[in-house]
N, C-alpha and C. Protein backbone atom coordinates (compact mmCIF):
# COMPACT_ATOMS: atom_id res chain seq x y z
N MET A 1 136.05 11.04 171.78
CA MET A 1 137.48 10.89 171.71
C MET A 1 138.46 10.58 172.68
N ILE A 2 137.90 10.97 173.93
CA ILE A 2 138.83 10.86 175.23
C ILE A 2 139.06 9.16 175.14
N ILE A 3 138.11 8.19 174.81
CA ILE A 3 138.23 6.89 174.70
C ILE A 3 139.37 6.62 173.64
N HIS A 4 139.52 7.36 172.78
CA HIS A 4 140.60 6.96 171.59
C HIS A 4 141.96 7.36 172.24
N CYS A 5 142.05 8.35 173.03
CA CYS A 5 143.13 9.07 173.36
C CYS A 5 143.78 8.27 174.37
N ILE A 6 142.94 7.76 175.27
CA ILE A 6 143.12 6.56 176.48
C ILE A 6 143.68 5.26 175.72
N MET A 7 143.04 5.12 174.79
CA MET A 7 143.51 3.84 174.05
C MET A 7 145.04 3.93 173.10
N ALA A 8 144.97 4.96 172.65
CA ALA A 8 146.27 5.23 171.92
C ALA A 8 147.35 5.32 172.95
N VAL A 9 147.31 5.96 174.11
CA VAL A 9 148.42 5.91 175.18
C VAL A 9 148.66 4.35 175.46
N LEU A 10 147.56 3.77 176.00
CA LEU A 10 147.98 2.32 176.08
C LEU A 10 148.39 1.42 174.97
N VAL A 11 147.81 1.69 174.12
CA VAL A 11 148.51 0.70 172.74
C VAL A 11 150.07 1.22 172.68
N ILE A 12 150.27 2.63 172.78
CA ILE A 12 151.84 2.91 172.43
C ILE A 12 152.69 2.45 173.77
N GLY A 13 152.17 2.39 175.17
CA GLY A 13 152.83 1.98 176.07
C GLY A 13 153.10 0.33 176.03
N MET A 14 151.89 -0.23 175.55
CA MET A 14 152.15 -1.90 175.09
C MET A 14 153.47 -2.09 174.11
N ALA A 15 153.44 -1.15 173.04
CA ALA A 15 154.20 -1.24 171.82
C ALA A 15 155.58 -1.04 172.50
N TRP A 16 155.49 -0.09 173.24
CA TRP A 16 156.92 0.04 173.91
C TRP A 16 157.44 -1.20 174.97
N LEU A 17 156.50 -1.80 175.39
CA LEU A 17 156.65 -3.02 176.26
C LEU A 17 157.14 -4.04 175.39
N PHE A 18 156.60 -4.46 174.42
CA PHE A 18 156.45 -5.68 173.53
C PHE A 18 157.70 -5.36 172.54
N LYS A 19 158.45 -4.31 172.73
CA LYS A 19 159.47 -4.19 171.62
C LYS A 19 158.91 -4.41 170.07
N LEU A 20 158.06 -3.57 169.80
CA LEU A 20 157.46 -4.11 168.40
C LEU A 20 158.71 -3.79 167.16
N THR A 21 158.62 -4.41 166.07
CA THR A 21 159.43 -3.78 165.04
C THR A 21 159.21 -2.87 164.39
N PHE A 22 159.82 -2.29 163.74
CA PHE A 22 159.87 -0.98 162.90
C PHE A 22 158.21 -0.97 162.25
N VAL A 23 157.94 -2.20 161.32
CA VAL A 23 157.08 -2.21 160.67
C VAL A 23 155.69 -2.36 161.49
N GLU A 24 155.78 -2.95 162.55
CA GLU A 24 154.80 -3.04 163.57
C GLU A 24 154.55 -1.52 164.06
N TRP A 25 155.77 -0.80 164.65
CA TRP A 25 155.31 0.35 165.22
C TRP A 25 154.53 1.16 164.23
N SER A 26 155.14 1.12 162.94
CA SER A 26 154.51 1.99 161.68
C SER A 26 153.10 1.93 161.55
N VAL A 27 152.80 0.38 161.43
CA VAL A 27 151.23 0.29 161.59
C VAL A 27 150.35 0.80 162.91
N VAL A 28 150.95 0.52 163.62
CA VAL A 28 150.11 1.01 165.05
C VAL A 28 150.15 2.48 164.84
N LEU A 29 151.28 3.18 164.53
CA LEU A 29 150.99 4.53 164.43
C LEU A 29 150.18 5.10 163.48
N VAL A 30 150.18 4.46 162.42
CA VAL A 30 149.20 4.94 161.18
C VAL A 30 147.77 4.46 161.58
N LEU A 31 147.56 3.38 162.32
CA LEU A 31 146.26 3.17 162.70
C LEU A 31 145.64 4.12 163.69
N ILE A 32 146.59 4.58 164.47
CA ILE A 32 146.21 5.59 165.37
C ILE A 32 145.58 7.00 164.75
N ALA A 33 146.69 7.36 163.79
CA ALA A 33 146.72 8.66 163.00
C ALA A 33 145.23 8.67 162.21
N LEU A 34 144.90 7.18 162.00
CA LEU A 34 143.56 7.20 161.06
C LEU A 34 142.51 7.39 161.95
N VAL A 35 142.36 6.90 163.05
CA VAL A 35 141.49 6.91 163.95
C VAL A 35 141.11 8.25 164.06
N PHE A 36 142.13 9.09 164.93
CA PHE A 36 142.13 10.33 164.87
C PHE A 36 141.69 11.49 164.05
N ALA A 37 141.95 11.16 162.77
CA ALA A 37 141.86 11.70 161.70
C ALA A 37 140.09 11.50 161.31
N ALA A 38 139.55 10.31 161.50
CA ALA A 38 138.47 9.88 161.29
C ALA A 38 137.40 10.67 162.17
N GLU A 39 137.76 10.66 163.55
CA GLU A 39 137.17 11.29 164.66
C GLU A 39 137.05 13.11 164.07
N LEU A 40 138.23 13.60 163.74
CA LEU A 40 138.50 15.17 163.42
C LEU A 40 137.14 14.99 162.19
N ILE A 41 137.28 14.40 161.37
CA ILE A 41 136.32 14.54 160.08
C ILE A 41 135.01 14.44 160.63
N ASN A 42 134.87 13.54 161.37
CA ASN A 42 133.13 13.17 162.07
C ASN A 42 133.09 14.55 162.63
N THR A 43 133.77 15.07 163.38
CA THR A 43 133.17 16.45 164.31
C THR A 43 133.13 17.47 163.46
N SER A 44 133.91 17.78 162.36
CA SER A 44 133.56 18.72 161.65
C SER A 44 132.18 18.63 160.38
N ILE A 45 131.93 17.39 160.31
CA ILE A 45 130.71 17.16 159.74
C ILE A 45 129.55 17.37 160.56
N GLU A 46 129.95 16.96 162.08
CA GLU A 46 128.66 17.45 162.79
C GLU A 46 128.39 18.86 162.95
N GLU A 47 129.48 19.52 163.20
CA GLU A 47 129.48 21.08 163.26
C GLU A 47 128.81 21.67 161.99
N LEU A 48 129.04 20.95 160.82
CA LEU A 48 128.65 21.57 159.76
C LEU A 48 127.24 21.44 159.51
N ALA A 49 126.81 19.91 159.95
CA ALA A 49 125.07 19.69 160.04
C ALA A 49 124.77 20.71 161.14
N ASN A 50 125.17 20.95 162.15
CA ASN A 50 124.62 21.94 163.06
C ASN A 50 124.30 23.43 162.04
N VAL A 51 125.27 23.79 161.78
CA VAL A 51 125.10 24.91 160.80
C VAL A 51 123.88 25.13 159.95
N VAL A 52 123.78 23.62 159.16
CA VAL A 52 122.75 23.58 158.09
C VAL A 52 121.47 23.61 158.86
N LYS A 53 121.30 22.80 160.10
CA LYS A 53 119.98 22.85 160.58
C LYS A 53 119.60 23.98 161.22
N LYS A 54 120.44 24.64 161.72
CA LYS A 54 120.29 26.12 162.28
C LYS A 54 119.83 27.17 161.25
N ASN A 55 120.55 27.00 160.43
CA ASN A 55 120.45 28.22 159.07
C ASN A 55 119.02 27.94 158.18
N ASN A 56 118.55 26.65 158.11
CA ASN A 56 117.74 26.22 157.40
C ASN A 56 116.50 25.72 158.20
N ASN A 57 116.35 26.11 159.70
CA ASN A 57 115.29 25.82 160.68
C ASN A 57 114.93 24.52 160.29
N CYS A 58 115.89 23.32 160.53
CA CYS A 58 115.42 22.07 160.26
C CYS A 58 115.31 21.40 161.52
N GLU A 59 114.43 20.09 161.54
CA GLU A 59 114.63 19.59 162.65
C GLU A 59 116.14 18.37 162.68
N TYR A 60 116.26 18.16 163.60
CA TYR A 60 117.56 17.09 164.11
C TYR A 60 117.50 15.93 162.65
N GLU A 61 116.22 15.56 162.72
CA GLU A 61 115.92 14.46 161.72
C GLU A 61 116.62 14.65 160.09
N ALA A 62 116.44 15.82 159.76
CA ALA A 62 116.92 16.32 158.53
C ALA A 62 118.26 16.00 158.29
N THR A 63 119.26 16.18 159.33
CA THR A 63 120.86 15.69 159.21
C THR A 63 121.22 14.49 160.03
N LYS A 64 120.22 13.89 160.05
CA LYS A 64 120.65 12.40 161.08
C LYS A 64 121.21 11.58 160.08
N ALA A 65 121.24 11.18 158.92
CA ALA A 65 121.56 10.21 158.00
C ALA A 65 123.02 10.71 157.89
N THR A 66 123.61 11.87 157.44
CA THR A 66 124.67 12.42 157.39
C THR A 66 125.54 12.32 158.73
N ARG A 67 125.05 12.50 160.03
CA ARG A 67 125.73 12.30 161.12
C ARG A 67 125.80 10.74 161.52
N ASP A 68 124.93 9.90 161.29
CA ASP A 68 125.05 8.58 161.06
C ASP A 68 126.25 8.01 160.38
N LEU A 69 126.27 8.53 159.22
CA LEU A 69 127.16 7.67 158.27
C LEU A 69 128.41 8.34 158.52
N ALA A 70 128.97 9.50 159.30
CA ALA A 70 130.06 10.14 159.74
C ALA A 70 130.66 9.10 160.55
N ALA A 71 129.48 8.89 161.71
CA ALA A 71 130.07 8.01 163.01
C ALA A 71 130.08 6.59 162.78
N GLY A 72 129.39 6.18 161.56
CA GLY A 72 129.52 5.02 161.11
C GLY A 72 131.13 4.61 160.46
N ALA A 73 131.60 5.58 159.83
CA ALA A 73 133.00 5.52 159.25
C ALA A 73 133.97 5.72 160.36
N VAL A 74 133.57 6.31 161.53
CA VAL A 74 134.66 6.09 162.46
C VAL A 74 134.75 4.72 163.10
N LEU A 75 133.40 4.34 163.25
CA LEU A 75 133.38 2.97 163.71
C LEU A 75 134.14 1.93 163.02
N VAL A 76 133.84 1.97 161.76
CA VAL A 76 134.41 0.70 160.74
C VAL A 76 136.03 1.10 160.87
N ILE A 77 136.55 2.07 160.98
CA ILE A 77 138.06 2.67 161.04
C ILE A 77 138.63 2.00 162.32
N ALA A 78 137.74 2.08 163.73
CA ALA A 78 137.99 1.85 165.09
C ALA A 78 137.93 0.14 165.08
N ILE A 79 137.15 -0.34 164.60
CA ILE A 79 137.02 -1.77 164.40
C ILE A 79 138.17 -2.48 163.82
N VAL A 80 138.38 -1.83 162.50
CA VAL A 80 139.74 -2.56 161.54
C VAL A 80 140.79 -2.30 162.53
N SER A 81 141.06 -1.24 163.06
CA SER A 81 142.16 -0.89 163.99
C SER A 81 142.59 -1.73 165.12
N ALA A 82 141.31 -2.50 165.64
CA ALA A 82 141.41 -3.13 167.01
C ALA A 82 141.57 -4.56 166.46
N VAL A 83 141.22 -4.99 165.33
CA VAL A 83 141.33 -6.15 164.78
C VAL A 83 142.84 -6.32 164.35
N LEU A 84 143.55 -5.41 163.72
CA LEU A 84 144.81 -5.08 163.29
C LEU A 84 145.88 -5.21 164.41
N GLY A 85 145.30 -4.34 165.33
CA GLY A 85 145.98 -4.46 166.79
C GLY A 85 146.26 -5.74 167.60
N LEU A 86 145.24 -6.48 167.28
CA LEU A 86 145.13 -7.86 168.20
C LEU A 86 145.82 -8.72 167.05
N VAL A 87 146.17 -8.66 165.96
CA VAL A 87 147.33 -9.37 165.02
C VAL A 87 148.32 -9.15 165.28
N ILE A 88 148.70 -7.98 165.70
CA ILE A 88 149.90 -7.72 166.21
C ILE A 88 150.35 -8.04 167.34
N PHE A 89 149.67 -7.64 168.35
CA PHE A 89 149.59 -8.03 169.90
C PHE A 89 149.57 -9.48 170.53
N LEU A 90 148.48 -10.05 170.02
CA LEU A 90 148.29 -11.20 170.65
C LEU A 90 149.53 -12.46 170.59
N PRO A 91 150.16 -12.40 169.37
CA PRO A 91 151.04 -13.26 169.45
C PRO A 91 152.24 -13.18 170.01
N LYS A 92 152.51 -11.77 170.88
CA LYS A 92 153.50 -11.47 171.62
C LYS A 92 153.06 -11.39 173.07
N ILE A 93 151.66 -11.61 173.23
CA ILE A 93 151.31 -11.96 174.60
C ILE A 93 151.13 -13.44 174.81
N PHE A 94 151.03 -14.22 173.88
CA PHE A 94 150.73 -15.72 174.19
C PHE A 94 151.93 -16.43 173.36
């Protein structure tokens, strides 16, 4: 989550520096919000998996698939956000 926060600050700084249009700003802010929301949902799923594991005396492996799927969802959203960020910023850099 710390990496996402640092990247969000850097992206917002670049957006201000490159004077993005209203639509570009909107896309950037929605993407940042989506990544943060995905991280929060992932964290809640991991905490729930911890409770289930503890209350049912399960091994870590019993909740591994759930944890992996939640983390995978965050990864997909982060990759799509990075690609869309490149689409917005690369023309302004070059």
